[in-house]
Amino acid sequence: MHSLISILVVFLSLSLVATTTNGDDPIKVDCPSDTNCTRGGAFDANLAALLSPLPAAAAASSGFAKNSTGATPDQAFGLAQCHADLNSSDCRACLDTALGNITGRCPGQRTALIIYDSCLLRSSDTSFFGAADTSWYRYICNPKTAQPLLFMSRLAAMLSNLTGTAARGSPCMFAAGAAEVTPYVRLYGMAQCTRDLGTDD
């Protein structure tokens, strides 16, 4: 089950403690400097044509959209996804922010990823559809846990349940749940896969 957890960390966000963040501050921005493209070139034009409609398309279709534009070697691939529990207007707002920031923070890049608490936007010059990306994950934990062994045991059980449910139990590949550590301490978590993945990915 540990391998399933590591595979599903593509878009695993655990809300174990209450946190607040500025909606415009991404959790992760990745635009490798070795993936530059010619500004104004064919790939740049394909990327712009690809990314512009993705926020609206995802918001209109249950929070998920993927597409590609152009032909090799200048083909652009893109994916936009919101948390499954986000309404359409909040999904659109998050992805519009992501689009503005990914183009501003990653200008001229052939590969880019931006992740917010509620959405993600990814683009590349190679197809990543259906391929699990386990290169990044996020945990938010309270360092003042009074019973760390019990906490970790309940956390592992909850994560195992959530990842299995997200992968196999819902068309949105989303699961949320809670686990009691003590009568006064509850864990809350959620897991979501990008919906281009198969259940075994």
N, C-alpha and C. Protein backbone atom coordinates (compact mmCIF):
# COMPACT_ATOMS: atom_id res chain seq x y z
N MET A 1 0.82 -1.19 0.00
CA MET A 1 0.00 0.00 0.00
C MET A 1 0.86 1.26 0.00
N HIS A 2 2.10 1.15 0.54
CA HIS A 2 2.98 2.32 0.54
C HIS A 2 3.30 2.77 -0.87
N SER A 3 3.42 1.82 -1.82
CA SER A 3 3.71 2.22 -3.20
C SER A 3 2.52 2.96 -3.79
N LEU A 4 1.31 2.57 -3.42
CA LEU A 4 0.13 3.28 -3.91
C LEU A 4 0.13 4.70 -3.38
N ILE A 5 0.50 4.87 -2.11
CA ILE A 5 0.55 6.21 -1.54
C ILE A 5 1.57 7.06 -2.29
N SER A 6 2.74 6.51 -2.57
CA SER A 6 3.76 7.30 -3.25
C SER A 6 3.36 7.61 -4.68
N ILE A 7 2.63 6.73 -5.32
CA ILE A 7 2.19 6.98 -6.70
C ILE A 7 1.12 8.06 -6.74
N LEU A 8 0.25 8.06 -5.78
CA LEU A 8 -0.87 8.99 -5.81
C LEU A 8 -0.53 10.38 -5.29
N VAL A 9 0.71 10.62 -4.94
CA VAL A 9 1.07 11.92 -4.42
C VAL A 9 1.13 12.99 -5.49
N VAL A 10 0.75 12.64 -6.72
CA VAL A 10 0.71 13.62 -7.79
C VAL A 10 -0.02 14.88 -7.33
N PHE A 11 -1.13 14.68 -6.72
CA PHE A 11 -1.91 15.83 -6.29
C PHE A 11 -2.52 15.53 -4.93
N LEU A 12 -1.66 15.12 -4.01
CA LEU A 12 -2.10 14.77 -2.66
C LEU A 12 -1.92 15.99 -1.78
N SER A 13 -2.99 16.42 -1.21
CA SER A 13 -2.93 17.58 -0.33
C SER A 13 -3.61 17.20 0.97
N LEU A 14 -2.88 17.20 2.03
CA LEU A 14 -3.43 16.81 3.32
C LEU A 14 -3.66 18.05 4.16
N SER A 15 -4.87 18.23 4.57
CA SER A 15 -5.20 19.35 5.45
C SER A 15 -5.30 18.82 6.87
N LEU A 16 -4.17 18.63 7.50
CA LEU A 16 -4.14 18.04 8.83
C LEU A 16 -4.29 19.08 9.93
N VAL A 17 -3.97 20.31 9.63
CA VAL A 17 -4.19 21.40 10.56
C VAL A 17 -4.76 22.56 9.78
N ALA A 18 -5.44 23.42 10.46
CA ALA A 18 -6.01 24.58 9.77
C ALA A 18 -4.88 25.51 9.35
N THR A 19 -4.87 25.86 8.08
CA THR A 19 -3.87 26.79 7.58
C THR A 19 -4.57 27.82 6.73
N THR A 20 -3.98 28.98 6.64
CA THR A 20 -4.51 30.00 5.75
C THR A 20 -3.38 30.46 4.86
N THR A 21 -3.69 30.63 3.59
CA THR A 21 -2.70 31.12 2.65
C THR A 21 -3.35 32.15 1.77
N ASN A 22 -2.56 33.01 1.23
CA ASN A 22 -3.05 33.98 0.27
C ASN A 22 -3.39 33.22 -1.00
N GLY A 23 -4.58 33.44 -1.56
CA GLY A 23 -5.03 32.73 -2.74
C GLY A 23 -4.13 32.93 -3.94
N ASP A 24 -3.35 34.00 -3.96
CA ASP A 24 -2.47 34.24 -5.10
C ASP A 24 -1.09 33.63 -4.94
N ASP A 25 -0.82 33.04 -3.79
CA ASP A 25 0.48 32.44 -3.54
C ASP A 25 0.44 30.95 -3.85
N PRO A 26 1.15 30.53 -4.88
CA PRO A 26 1.15 29.10 -5.20
C PRO A 26 1.93 28.30 -4.17
N ILE A 27 1.55 27.04 -4.03
CA ILE A 27 2.26 26.11 -3.17
C ILE A 27 3.55 25.67 -3.86
N LYS A 28 3.48 25.53 -5.16
CA LYS A 28 4.62 25.01 -5.94
C LYS A 28 4.62 25.66 -7.31
N VAL A 29 5.77 26.11 -7.75
CA VAL A 29 5.98 26.58 -9.12
C VAL A 29 7.22 25.86 -9.63
N ASP A 30 7.10 25.20 -10.75
CA ASP A 30 8.24 24.48 -11.33
C ASP A 30 8.33 24.81 -12.81
N CYS A 31 9.36 25.54 -13.17
CA CYS A 31 9.62 25.83 -14.58
C CYS A 31 11.12 25.66 -14.81
N PRO A 32 11.53 24.44 -15.14
CA PRO A 32 12.95 24.14 -15.32
C PRO A 32 13.61 25.07 -16.34
N SER A 33 14.75 25.61 -15.97
CA SER A 33 15.43 26.57 -16.84
C SER A 33 16.00 25.93 -18.10
N ASP A 34 16.09 24.61 -18.12
CA ASP A 34 16.64 23.94 -19.30
C ASP A 34 15.56 23.62 -20.34
N THR A 35 14.36 24.19 -20.17
CA THR A 35 13.28 23.91 -21.11
C THR A 35 12.82 25.17 -21.84
N ASN A 36 13.75 26.03 -22.16
CA ASN A 36 13.41 27.29 -22.83
C ASN A 36 12.90 27.05 -24.24
N CYS A 37 12.02 27.94 -24.68
CA CYS A 37 11.56 27.92 -26.07
C CYS A 37 11.77 29.31 -26.66
N THR A 38 11.74 29.39 -27.96
CA THR A 38 11.91 30.65 -28.65
C THR A 38 10.65 31.49 -28.50
N ARG A 39 10.79 32.67 -27.90
CA ARG A 39 9.64 33.56 -27.74
C ARG A 39 9.12 33.95 -29.12
N GLY A 40 7.82 33.80 -29.31
CA GLY A 40 7.21 34.13 -30.59
C GLY A 40 7.29 33.01 -31.61
N GLY A 41 7.92 31.89 -31.25
CA GLY A 41 8.05 30.75 -32.15
C GLY A 41 6.79 29.91 -32.18
N ALA A 42 6.85 28.81 -32.92
CA ALA A 42 5.68 27.95 -33.10
C ALA A 42 5.22 27.33 -31.78
N PHE A 43 6.16 26.85 -30.95
CA PHE A 43 5.75 26.26 -29.68
C PHE A 43 5.10 27.30 -28.78
N ASP A 44 5.67 28.48 -28.73
CA ASP A 44 5.13 29.56 -27.90
C ASP A 44 3.69 29.88 -28.32
N ALA A 45 3.43 29.92 -29.63
CA ALA A 45 2.08 30.18 -30.13
C ALA A 45 1.14 29.03 -29.78
N ASN A 46 1.61 27.79 -29.93
CA ASN A 46 0.78 26.63 -29.56
C ASN A 46 0.47 26.62 -28.07
N LEU A 47 1.45 26.98 -27.26
CA LEU A 47 1.25 27.00 -25.81
C LEU A 47 0.20 28.04 -25.43
N ALA A 48 0.28 29.22 -26.01
CA ALA A 48 -0.71 30.26 -25.72
C ALA A 48 -2.11 29.82 -26.15
N ALA A 49 -2.21 29.21 -27.32
CA ALA A 49 -3.51 28.73 -27.80
C ALA A 49 -4.05 27.60 -26.93
N LEU A 50 -3.16 26.81 -26.37
CA LEU A 50 -3.56 25.69 -25.51
C LEU A 50 -4.02 26.17 -24.13
N LEU A 51 -3.22 27.03 -23.50
CA LEU A 51 -3.49 27.40 -22.11
C LEU A 51 -4.69 28.32 -21.95
N SER A 52 -4.91 29.23 -22.87
CA SER A 52 -5.99 30.22 -22.72
C SER A 52 -7.35 29.62 -22.41
N PRO A 53 -7.80 28.59 -23.15
CA PRO A 53 -9.15 28.06 -22.88
C PRO A 53 -9.22 27.01 -21.77
N LEU A 54 -8.09 26.56 -21.24
CA LEU A 54 -8.12 25.48 -20.25
C LEU A 54 -8.89 25.83 -18.96
N PRO A 55 -8.73 27.03 -18.37
CA PRO A 55 -9.50 27.32 -17.16
C PRO A 55 -11.01 27.21 -17.37
N ALA A 56 -11.52 27.77 -18.45
CA ALA A 56 -12.96 27.71 -18.72
C ALA A 56 -13.40 26.28 -19.00
N ALA A 57 -12.59 25.54 -19.74
CA ALA A 57 -12.94 24.15 -20.06
C ALA A 57 -12.99 23.30 -18.81
N ALA A 58 -12.03 23.47 -17.91
CA ALA A 58 -12.02 22.69 -16.67
C ALA A 58 -13.21 23.06 -15.79
N ALA A 59 -13.47 24.36 -15.66
CA ALA A 59 -14.58 24.81 -14.81
C ALA A 59 -15.92 24.30 -15.34
N ALA A 60 -16.03 24.16 -16.65
CA ALA A 60 -17.28 23.70 -17.27
C ALA A 60 -17.43 22.18 -17.24
N SER A 61 -16.37 21.46 -16.94
CA SER A 61 -16.45 19.99 -16.99
C SER A 61 -15.96 19.36 -15.69
N SER A 62 -16.62 19.68 -14.61
CA SER A 62 -16.34 19.08 -13.29
C SER A 62 -14.92 19.29 -12.81
N GLY A 63 -14.28 20.37 -13.22
CA GLY A 63 -12.97 20.70 -12.67
C GLY A 63 -11.77 20.03 -13.29
N PHE A 64 -11.91 19.51 -14.51
CA PHE A 64 -10.77 18.85 -15.15
C PHE A 64 -10.81 19.06 -16.66
N ALA A 65 -9.66 19.39 -17.23
CA ALA A 65 -9.53 19.48 -18.69
C ALA A 65 -8.09 19.22 -19.07
N LYS A 66 -7.91 18.56 -20.21
CA LYS A 66 -6.57 18.37 -20.77
C LYS A 66 -6.71 18.53 -22.28
N ASN A 67 -5.62 18.92 -22.91
CA ASN A 67 -5.66 19.11 -24.36
C ASN A 67 -4.24 19.19 -24.88
N SER A 68 -4.13 19.14 -26.19
CA SER A 68 -2.84 19.37 -26.85
C SER A 68 -3.11 20.19 -28.10
N THR A 69 -2.11 20.95 -28.51
CA THR A 69 -2.23 21.82 -29.67
C THR A 69 -0.94 21.75 -30.47
N GLY A 70 -1.07 21.77 -31.80
CA GLY A 70 0.09 21.78 -32.66
C GLY A 70 0.57 20.38 -33.02
N ALA A 71 1.71 20.34 -33.68
CA ALA A 71 2.30 19.08 -34.12
C ALA A 71 3.77 19.03 -33.70
N THR A 72 4.29 17.83 -33.58
CA THR A 72 5.69 17.62 -33.21
C THR A 72 6.59 18.34 -34.20
N PRO A 73 7.62 19.02 -33.80
CA PRO A 73 8.24 19.12 -32.48
C PRO A 73 7.73 20.30 -31.65
N ASP A 74 6.69 20.98 -32.13
CA ASP A 74 6.21 22.18 -31.44
C ASP A 74 4.86 21.97 -30.77
N GLN A 75 4.50 20.71 -30.52
CA GLN A 75 3.23 20.40 -29.89
C GLN A 75 3.27 20.76 -28.41
N ALA A 76 2.18 21.33 -27.91
CA ALA A 76 2.05 21.69 -26.50
C ALA A 76 0.95 20.86 -25.86
N PHE A 77 1.21 20.38 -24.65
CA PHE A 77 0.26 19.57 -23.88
C PHE A 77 -0.07 20.33 -22.60
N GLY A 78 -1.33 20.30 -22.21
CA GLY A 78 -1.71 21.01 -20.99
C GLY A 78 -2.80 20.30 -20.22
N LEU A 79 -2.81 20.52 -18.91
CA LEU A 79 -3.79 19.92 -18.02
C LEU A 79 -4.15 20.94 -16.95
N ALA A 80 -5.45 21.05 -16.67
CA ALA A 80 -5.94 21.93 -15.60
C ALA A 80 -6.87 21.10 -14.73
N GLN A 81 -6.73 21.23 -13.42
CA GLN A 81 -7.59 20.47 -12.52
C GLN A 81 -7.81 21.24 -11.23
N CYS A 82 -9.05 21.14 -10.73
CA CYS A 82 -9.42 21.72 -9.44
C CYS A 82 -9.76 20.60 -8.48
N HIS A 83 -9.74 20.90 -7.19
CA HIS A 83 -10.24 19.94 -6.21
C HIS A 83 -11.66 19.59 -6.56
N ALA A 84 -12.01 18.35 -6.37
CA ALA A 84 -13.34 17.87 -6.75
C ALA A 84 -14.45 18.52 -5.94
N ASP A 85 -14.15 19.07 -4.79
CA ASP A 85 -15.18 19.70 -3.97
C ASP A 85 -15.31 21.20 -4.21
N LEU A 86 -14.64 21.72 -5.23
CA LEU A 86 -14.67 23.15 -5.55
C LEU A 86 -15.80 23.42 -6.54
N ASN A 87 -16.55 24.50 -6.32
CA ASN A 87 -17.61 24.82 -7.28
C ASN A 87 -17.00 25.42 -8.54
N SER A 88 -17.81 25.52 -9.58
CA SER A 88 -17.33 25.93 -10.90
C SER A 88 -16.71 27.33 -10.90
N SER A 89 -17.33 28.28 -10.22
CA SER A 89 -16.80 29.65 -10.25
C SER A 89 -15.48 29.76 -9.47
N ASP A 90 -15.37 29.06 -8.34
CA ASP A 90 -14.11 29.08 -7.60
C ASP A 90 -13.01 28.34 -8.36
N CYS A 91 -13.39 27.28 -9.04
CA CYS A 91 -12.44 26.54 -9.88
C CYS A 91 -11.90 27.46 -10.97
N ARG A 92 -12.79 28.15 -11.65
CA ARG A 92 -12.39 29.06 -12.72
C ARG A 92 -11.49 30.17 -12.18
N ALA A 93 -11.84 30.73 -11.03
CA ALA A 93 -11.02 31.80 -10.45
C ALA A 93 -9.62 31.30 -10.10
N CYS A 94 -9.53 30.11 -9.52
CA CYS A 94 -8.22 29.55 -9.17
C CYS A 94 -7.38 29.31 -10.43
N LEU A 95 -8.00 28.72 -11.45
CA LEU A 95 -7.25 28.42 -12.67
C LEU A 95 -6.90 29.68 -13.46
N ASP A 96 -7.74 30.71 -13.40
CA ASP A 96 -7.39 31.98 -14.04
C ASP A 96 -6.17 32.59 -13.36
N THR A 97 -6.13 32.51 -12.03
CA THR A 97 -4.96 32.98 -11.29
C THR A 97 -3.73 32.16 -11.67
N ALA A 98 -3.90 30.85 -11.74
CA ALA A 98 -2.79 29.97 -12.12
C ALA A 98 -2.27 30.31 -13.51
N LEU A 99 -3.18 30.55 -14.44
CA LEU A 99 -2.78 30.89 -15.81
C LEU A 99 -1.97 32.18 -15.83
N GLY A 100 -2.46 33.20 -15.13
CA GLY A 100 -1.73 34.47 -15.08
C GLY A 100 -0.36 34.32 -14.47
N ASN A 101 -0.27 33.52 -13.42
CA ASN A 101 1.01 33.35 -12.74
C ASN A 101 1.97 32.41 -13.46
N ILE A 102 1.45 31.39 -14.11
CA ILE A 102 2.36 30.47 -14.80
C ILE A 102 2.99 31.16 -16.01
N THR A 103 2.23 31.99 -16.69
CA THR A 103 2.80 32.71 -17.83
C THR A 103 3.75 33.82 -17.35
N GLY A 104 3.46 34.40 -16.19
CA GLY A 104 4.34 35.44 -15.65
C GLY A 104 5.60 34.90 -15.01
N ARG A 105 5.49 33.77 -14.33
CA ARG A 105 6.65 33.21 -13.62
C ARG A 105 7.49 32.27 -14.48
N CYS A 106 6.91 31.73 -15.53
CA CYS A 106 7.63 30.77 -16.37
C CYS A 106 7.62 31.20 -17.83
N PRO A 107 7.98 32.44 -18.13
CA PRO A 107 7.93 32.87 -19.53
C PRO A 107 8.96 32.14 -20.38
N GLY A 108 8.56 31.72 -21.55
CA GLY A 108 9.48 31.08 -22.47
C GLY A 108 9.90 29.68 -22.07
N GLN A 109 9.14 29.02 -21.20
CA GLN A 109 9.48 27.66 -20.76
C GLN A 109 8.64 26.63 -21.49
N ARG A 110 9.25 25.55 -21.91
CA ARG A 110 8.54 24.47 -22.59
C ARG A 110 7.82 23.55 -21.59
N THR A 111 8.23 23.58 -20.34
CA THR A 111 7.62 22.76 -19.29
C THR A 111 7.36 23.65 -18.09
N ALA A 112 6.14 23.57 -17.54
CA ALA A 112 5.80 24.39 -16.38
C ALA A 112 4.69 23.72 -15.57
N LEU A 113 4.73 23.94 -14.27
CA LEU A 113 3.73 23.42 -13.35
C LEU A 113 3.51 24.46 -12.27
N ILE A 114 2.24 24.74 -11.95
CA ILE A 114 1.92 25.61 -10.84
C ILE A 114 0.79 24.96 -10.05
N ILE A 115 0.96 24.90 -8.73
CA ILE A 115 -0.01 24.24 -7.86
C ILE A 115 -0.45 25.22 -6.78
N TYR A 116 -1.76 25.30 -6.60
CA TYR A 116 -2.38 26.08 -5.53
C TYR A 116 -3.11 25.11 -4.60
N ASP A 117 -3.61 25.62 -3.48
CA ASP A 117 -4.39 24.78 -2.57
C ASP A 117 -5.57 24.12 -3.27
N SER A 118 -6.17 24.81 -4.24
CA SER A 118 -7.41 24.32 -4.85
C SER A 118 -7.31 23.89 -6.30
N CYS A 119 -6.18 24.13 -6.95
CA CYS A 119 -6.08 23.77 -8.37
C CYS A 119 -4.63 23.62 -8.80
N LEU A 120 -4.46 23.07 -10.00
CA LEU A 120 -3.13 23.00 -10.60
C LEU A 120 -3.25 23.20 -12.10
N LEU A 121 -2.17 23.70 -12.69
CA LEU A 121 -2.08 23.90 -14.13
C LEU A 121 -0.71 23.42 -14.55
N ARG A 122 -0.67 22.59 -15.58
CA ARG A 122 0.60 21.99 -16.02
C ARG A 122 0.66 22.04 -17.54
N SER A 123 1.86 22.31 -18.07
CA SER A 123 2.07 22.29 -19.52
C SER A 123 3.44 21.72 -19.83
N SER A 124 3.56 21.18 -21.04
CA SER A 124 4.84 20.59 -21.44
C SER A 124 4.89 20.45 -22.96
N ASP A 125 6.09 20.22 -23.45
CA ASP A 125 6.27 19.94 -24.88
C ASP A 125 6.27 18.44 -25.15
N THR A 126 6.11 17.63 -24.11
CA THR A 126 5.96 16.18 -24.26
C THR A 126 4.72 15.74 -23.50
N SER A 127 4.07 14.71 -23.98
CA SER A 127 2.84 14.25 -23.33
C SER A 127 3.15 13.64 -21.97
N PHE A 128 2.43 14.08 -20.97
CA PHE A 128 2.53 13.52 -19.63
C PHE A 128 1.20 12.89 -19.23
N PHE A 129 0.23 12.88 -20.13
CA PHE A 129 -1.09 12.35 -19.84
C PHE A 129 -1.00 10.86 -19.48
N GLY A 130 -1.64 10.49 -18.40
CA GLY A 130 -1.67 9.10 -17.99
C GLY A 130 -0.41 8.60 -17.31
N ALA A 131 0.53 9.49 -17.04
CA ALA A 131 1.78 9.09 -16.38
C ALA A 131 1.82 9.70 -14.98
N ALA A 132 1.94 8.86 -13.97
CA ALA A 132 2.00 9.34 -12.59
C ALA A 132 3.29 10.11 -12.36
N ASP A 133 3.19 11.26 -11.72
CA ASP A 133 4.35 12.07 -11.38
C ASP A 133 4.49 12.06 -9.86
N THR A 134 5.47 11.36 -9.37
CA THR A 134 5.68 11.25 -7.92
C THR A 134 6.85 12.10 -7.45
N SER A 135 7.20 13.11 -8.23
CA SER A 135 8.36 13.92 -7.89
C SER A 135 8.07 14.97 -6.83
N TRP A 136 6.79 15.17 -6.50
CA TRP A 136 6.48 16.21 -5.54
C TRP A 136 5.26 15.81 -4.73
N TYR A 137 5.28 16.10 -3.45
CA TYR A 137 4.13 15.88 -2.58
C TYR A 137 4.17 16.90 -1.46
N ARG A 138 3.07 16.99 -0.74
CA ARG A 138 2.97 17.99 0.32
C ARG A 138 2.30 17.40 1.55
N TYR A 139 2.89 17.61 2.69
CA TYR A 139 2.29 17.25 3.97
C TYR A 139 2.28 18.50 4.84
N ILE A 140 1.20 18.71 5.54
CA ILE A 140 1.15 19.77 6.53
C ILE A 140 0.85 19.09 7.86
N CYS A 141 1.78 19.12 8.77
CA CYS A 141 1.60 18.43 10.05
C CYS A 141 1.87 19.38 11.20
N ASN A 142 1.21 19.15 12.29
CA ASN A 142 1.43 19.92 13.50
C ASN A 142 2.61 19.31 14.25
N PRO A 143 3.70 20.06 14.44
CA PRO A 143 4.88 19.50 15.11
C PRO A 143 4.69 19.30 16.61
N LYS A 144 3.58 19.75 17.16
CA LYS A 144 3.35 19.65 18.60
C LYS A 144 2.44 18.48 18.95
N THR A 145 2.48 17.43 18.19
CA THR A 145 1.65 16.26 18.44
C THR A 145 2.06 15.62 19.76
N ALA A 146 1.07 15.41 20.65
CA ALA A 146 1.36 14.88 21.99
C ALA A 146 1.69 13.40 21.96
N GLN A 147 1.06 12.64 21.06
CA GLN A 147 1.29 11.20 20.99
C GLN A 147 1.73 10.85 19.57
N PRO A 148 3.00 11.08 19.24
CA PRO A 148 3.44 10.92 17.86
C PRO A 148 3.27 9.52 17.28
N LEU A 149 3.47 8.47 18.07
CA LEU A 149 3.33 7.11 17.53
C LEU A 149 1.88 6.80 17.18
N LEU A 150 0.97 7.16 18.07
CA LEU A 150 -0.45 6.98 17.79
C LEU A 150 -0.88 7.84 16.61
N PHE A 151 -0.39 9.07 16.60
CA PHE A 151 -0.70 9.99 15.51
C PHE A 151 -0.27 9.40 14.17
N MET A 152 0.97 8.92 14.08
CA MET A 152 1.49 8.37 12.82
C MET A 152 0.74 7.11 12.41
N SER A 153 0.37 6.29 13.37
CA SER A 153 -0.40 5.08 13.06
C SER A 153 -1.76 5.43 12.47
N ARG A 154 -2.46 6.37 13.09
CA ARG A 154 -3.78 6.78 12.59
C ARG A 154 -3.65 7.50 11.25
N LEU A 155 -2.58 8.29 11.11
CA LEU A 155 -2.34 8.99 9.85
C LEU A 155 -2.11 7.99 8.72
N ALA A 156 -1.27 6.99 8.95
CA ALA A 156 -0.99 5.99 7.91
C ALA A 156 -2.25 5.24 7.51
N ALA A 157 -3.07 4.87 8.49
CA ALA A 157 -4.31 4.16 8.18
C ALA A 157 -5.26 5.05 7.39
N MET A 158 -5.37 6.32 7.78
CA MET A 158 -6.24 7.24 7.06
C MET A 158 -5.75 7.45 5.63
N LEU A 159 -4.45 7.65 5.46
CA LEU A 159 -3.89 7.85 4.11
C LEU A 159 -4.11 6.63 3.23
N SER A 160 -3.91 5.47 3.78
CA SER A 160 -4.12 4.25 3.02
C SER A 160 -5.57 4.16 2.54
N ASN A 161 -6.50 4.47 3.42
CA ASN A 161 -7.91 4.45 3.06
C ASN A 161 -8.23 5.52 2.01
N LEU A 162 -7.73 6.74 2.21
CA LEU A 162 -8.03 7.83 1.28
C LEU A 162 -7.45 7.59 -0.11
N THR A 163 -6.22 7.11 -0.17
CA THR A 163 -5.62 6.90 -1.49
C THR A 163 -6.34 5.80 -2.25
N GLY A 164 -6.71 4.73 -1.57
CA GLY A 164 -7.47 3.67 -2.23
C GLY A 164 -8.82 4.15 -2.70
N THR A 165 -9.51 4.93 -1.87
CA THR A 165 -10.82 5.46 -2.25
C THR A 165 -10.69 6.44 -3.40
N ALA A 166 -9.69 7.31 -3.36
CA ALA A 166 -9.51 8.28 -4.44
C ALA A 166 -9.23 7.58 -5.77
N ALA A 167 -8.42 6.54 -5.73
CA ALA A 167 -8.03 5.85 -6.96
C ALA A 167 -9.16 5.02 -7.55
N ARG A 168 -9.98 4.45 -6.69
CA ARG A 168 -10.96 3.48 -7.19
C ARG A 168 -12.41 3.80 -6.88
N GLY A 169 -12.67 4.74 -5.98
CA GLY A 169 -14.02 4.88 -5.48
C GLY A 169 -14.83 6.02 -6.03
N SER A 170 -14.26 6.86 -6.87
CA SER A 170 -15.03 8.01 -7.33
C SER A 170 -14.59 8.43 -8.72
N PRO A 171 -15.54 8.89 -9.54
CA PRO A 171 -15.17 9.33 -10.88
C PRO A 171 -14.26 10.56 -10.87
N CYS A 172 -14.31 11.35 -9.80
CA CYS A 172 -13.45 12.53 -9.70
C CYS A 172 -12.09 12.19 -9.09
N MET A 173 -11.87 10.92 -8.74
CA MET A 173 -10.62 10.47 -8.14
C MET A 173 -10.26 11.33 -6.92
N PHE A 174 -11.23 11.51 -6.05
CA PHE A 174 -11.13 12.38 -4.89
C PHE A 174 -11.68 11.67 -3.66
N ALA A 175 -11.06 11.86 -2.53
CA ALA A 175 -11.58 11.32 -1.28
C ALA A 175 -11.19 12.25 -0.14
N ALA A 176 -12.08 12.38 0.83
CA ALA A 176 -11.81 13.17 2.03
C ALA A 176 -12.27 12.35 3.22
N GLY A 177 -11.61 12.55 4.34
CA GLY A 177 -12.00 11.80 5.52
C GLY A 177 -11.38 12.35 6.78
N ALA A 178 -11.69 11.69 7.87
CA ALA A 178 -11.18 12.09 9.18
C ALA A 178 -10.86 10.85 9.98
N ALA A 179 -9.97 11.01 10.94
CA ALA A 179 -9.63 9.92 11.85
C ALA A 179 -9.43 10.51 13.24
N GLU A 180 -9.90 9.80 14.24
CA GLU A 180 -9.75 10.26 15.62
C GLU A 180 -8.45 9.71 16.19
N VAL A 181 -7.62 10.61 16.72
CA VAL A 181 -6.40 10.21 17.39
C VAL A 181 -6.68 10.03 18.88
N THR A 182 -7.31 11.02 19.46
CA THR A 182 -7.79 10.98 20.84
C THR A 182 -9.17 11.62 20.82
N PRO A 183 -9.90 11.58 21.92
CA PRO A 183 -11.21 12.24 21.92
C PRO A 183 -11.14 13.74 21.61
N TYR A 184 -9.97 14.33 21.73
CA TYR A 184 -9.84 15.77 21.50
C TYR A 184 -9.04 16.11 20.25
N VAL A 185 -8.50 15.12 19.59
CA VAL A 185 -7.67 15.37 18.41
C VAL A 185 -8.19 14.55 17.24
N ARG A 186 -8.51 15.25 16.14
CA ARG A 186 -8.96 14.59 14.91
C ARG A 186 -8.04 14.99 13.77
N LEU A 187 -7.75 14.04 12.91
CA LEU A 187 -7.00 14.29 11.68
C LEU A 187 -8.00 14.47 10.55
N TYR A 188 -7.72 15.38 9.66
CA TYR A 188 -8.53 15.56 8.46
C TYR A 188 -7.60 15.45 7.26
N GLY A 189 -8.04 14.77 6.26
CA GLY A 189 -7.19 14.61 5.08
C GLY A 189 -8.01 14.49 3.83
N MET A 190 -7.34 14.70 2.72
CA MET A 190 -7.96 14.48 1.42
C MET A 190 -6.90 14.05 0.44
N ALA A 191 -7.32 13.31 -0.56
CA ALA A 191 -6.41 12.86 -1.61
C ALA A 191 -7.13 13.02 -2.94
N GLN A 192 -6.39 13.44 -3.94
CA GLN A 192 -6.96 13.55 -5.28
C GLN A 192 -5.87 13.25 -6.29
N CYS A 193 -6.22 12.43 -7.27
CA CYS A 193 -5.32 12.12 -8.38
C CYS A 193 -5.68 13.02 -9.55
N THR A 194 -4.72 13.29 -10.42
CA THR A 194 -5.10 13.95 -11.67
C THR A 194 -5.90 12.94 -12.47
N ARG A 195 -6.97 13.40 -13.09
CA ARG A 195 -7.94 12.48 -13.67
C ARG A 195 -7.53 11.93 -15.03
N ASP A 196 -6.32 12.21 -15.46
CA ASP A 196 -5.81 11.56 -16.67
C ASP A 196 -5.18 10.21 -16.33
N LEU A 197 -5.05 9.88 -15.04
CA LEU A 197 -4.43 8.63 -14.62
C LEU A 197 -5.45 7.50 -14.58
N GLY A 198 -4.96 6.28 -14.77
CA GLY A 198 -5.79 5.10 -14.57
C GLY A 198 -5.83 4.75 -13.10
N THR A 199 -6.74 3.87 -12.70
CA THR A 199 -6.87 3.53 -11.28
C THR A 199 -5.62 2.86 -10.72
N ASP A 200 -4.86 2.15 -11.53
CA ASP A 200 -3.65 1.49 -11.05
C ASP A 200 -2.43 2.40 -11.04
N ASP A 201 -2.54 3.59 -11.64
CA ASP A 201 -1.43 4.53 -11.65
C ASP A 201 -1.37 5.30 -10.35
